[in-house]
Amino acid sequence: MSADRKNKRLYAKQAEILKALAHPVRVGIANFLKGGPQCVCDIAEYVGSERSNVSRHLSVMASAGIVDYYKDGLKVMYQLKRPCVLDFFQCVTRCLREQAKDDRELLKAL
């Protein structure tokens, strides 16, 4: 396999993970799960969404390998399978801070 083809495959897989995180509810879910395993009912309350909606988002995240789940009695518990995604969110937050700083400087210049 050529390097170009390997890169395209890698980029496609990276984009798949980013797509699985690219929704405010999913960002909230990942943030909430940094505290440890949680059931859908608690996740739904935290993100302010219906359980069915949260379950769909969790399914997308599980398909991308971001979260994992297990049964605990009658509850299904979800946890971050790849906690390193939180590092990405920290990077995004740093970008937002820099953008806000740039915007303030631009406003001062006006």
Protein backbone atom coordinates (compact mmCIF):
# COMPACT_ATOMS: atom_id res chain seq x y z
CA MET A 1 0.00 0.00 0.00
CA SER A 2 1.42 3.37 -0.98
CA ALA A 3 2.11 6.07 1.61
CA ASP A 4 -0.53 8.27 0.00
CA ARG A 5 -3.15 5.54 0.29
CA LYS A 6 -2.17 4.84 3.91
CA ASN A 7 -2.48 8.54 4.70
CA LYS A 8 -5.92 8.73 3.10
CA ARG A 9 -7.08 5.76 5.15
CA LEU A 10 -5.65 7.31 8.31
CA TYR A 11 -7.31 10.66 7.56
CA ALA A 12 -10.64 8.94 6.94
CA LYS A 13 -10.43 7.13 10.29
CA GLN A 14 -9.46 10.34 12.08
CA ALA A 15 -12.40 12.13 10.46
CA GLU A 16 -14.71 9.32 11.60
CA ILE A 17 -13.72 9.91 15.21
CA LEU A 18 -14.04 13.68 14.85
CA LYS A 19 -17.52 13.26 13.34
CA ALA A 20 -18.51 11.08 16.29
CA LEU A 21 -17.55 13.96 18.60
CA ALA A 22 -18.87 16.79 16.45
CA HIS A 23 -22.13 17.45 18.26
CA PRO A 24 -22.71 19.50 21.42
CA VAL A 25 -24.54 16.63 23.14
CA ARG A 26 -21.63 14.26 22.43
CA VAL A 27 -19.12 16.78 23.73
CA GLY A 28 -21.22 17.03 26.89
CA ILE A 29 -21.40 13.26 27.19
CA ALA A 30 -17.63 12.90 26.89
CA ASN A 31 -17.14 15.64 29.47
CA PHE A 32 -19.55 13.96 31.89
CA LEU A 33 -17.96 10.53 31.43
CA LYS A 34 -14.56 11.83 32.50
CA GLY A 35 -15.88 11.32 36.03
CA GLY A 36 -16.29 7.58 35.45
CA PRO A 37 -19.01 5.21 34.23
CA GLN A 38 -22.55 6.58 34.09
CA CYS A 39 -25.99 5.26 33.17
CA VAL A 40 -28.04 6.76 30.35
CA CYS A 41 -30.49 8.30 32.83
CA ASP A 42 -27.74 10.32 34.54
CA ILE A 43 -26.10 11.26 31.24
CA ALA A 44 -29.45 12.46 29.86
CA GLU A 45 -30.03 14.61 32.93
CA TYR A 46 -26.53 16.10 32.70
CA VAL A 47 -26.78 17.03 29.01
CA GLY A 48 -30.44 18.06 29.27
CA SER A 49 -31.75 15.69 26.63
CA GLU A 50 -34.16 12.77 26.33
CA ARG A 51 -32.81 9.29 27.11
CA SER A 52 -33.65 8.04 23.60
CA ASN A 53 -31.69 10.92 22.06
CA VAL A 54 -28.73 10.31 24.36
CA SER A 55 -28.82 6.60 23.52
CA ARG A 56 -28.53 7.43 19.81
CA HIS A 57 -25.56 9.70 20.49
CA LEU A 58 -23.92 7.03 22.64
CA SER A 59 -24.40 4.52 19.83
CA VAL A 60 -22.52 6.80 17.42
CA MET A 61 -19.74 7.26 19.97
CA ALA A 62 -19.55 3.51 20.64
CA SER A 63 -19.37 2.72 16.92
CA ALA A 64 -16.40 5.07 16.64
CA GLY A 65 -14.70 3.39 19.61
CA ILE A 66 -14.91 6.41 21.90
CA VAL A 67 -17.15 4.90 24.57
CA ASP A 68 -17.68 1.41 25.87
CA TYR A 69 -20.57 0.00 27.87
CA TYR A 70 -21.46 -2.86 30.18
CA LYS A 71 -24.52 -4.08 32.05
CA ASP A 72 -24.84 -3.44 35.77
CA GLY A 73 -28.04 -5.18 36.79
CA LEU A 74 -30.79 -3.54 34.75
CA LYS A 75 -28.71 -0.48 33.89
CA VAL A 76 -26.34 -0.07 30.98
CA MET A 77 -23.26 1.82 32.11
CA TYR A 78 -21.18 3.88 29.69
CA GLN A 79 -17.56 4.89 30.09
CA LEU A 80 -14.91 6.57 28.00
CA LYS A 81 -12.98 3.92 26.14
CA ARG A 82 -10.55 6.54 24.83
CA PRO A 83 -10.14 9.21 27.54
CA CYS A 84 -7.52 10.87 25.35
CA VAL A 85 -10.39 12.58 23.48
CA LEU A 86 -10.52 14.91 26.47
CA ASP A 87 -7.03 16.11 25.48
CA PHE A 88 -8.50 17.15 22.14
CA PHE A 89 -11.20 19.16 23.93
CA GLN A 90 -8.51 20.93 25.95
CA CYS A 91 -6.80 21.85 22.69
CA VAL A 92 -10.07 23.16 21.27
CA THR A 93 -10.60 25.24 24.42
CA ARG A 94 -7.11 26.74 24.02
CA CYS A 95 -7.99 27.63 20.42
CA LEU A 96 -11.20 29.31 21.57
CA ARG A 97 -9.30 31.33 24.17
CA GLU A 98 -6.83 32.51 21.53
CA GLN A 99 -9.67 33.42 19.18
CA ALA A 100 -11.37 35.41 21.94
CA LYS A 101 -8.11 37.21 22.66
CA ASP A 102 -7.67 38.01 18.96
CA ASP A 103 -11.28 39.24 18.78
CA ARG A 104 -10.76 41.54 21.78
CA GLU A 105 -7.65 42.98 20.16
CA LEU A 106 -9.54 43.53 16.91
CA LEU A 107 -12.36 45.31 18.77
CA LYS A 108 -9.83 47.58 20.45
CA ALA A 109 -8.38 48.44 17.05
CA LEU A 110 -11.79 49.49 15.76
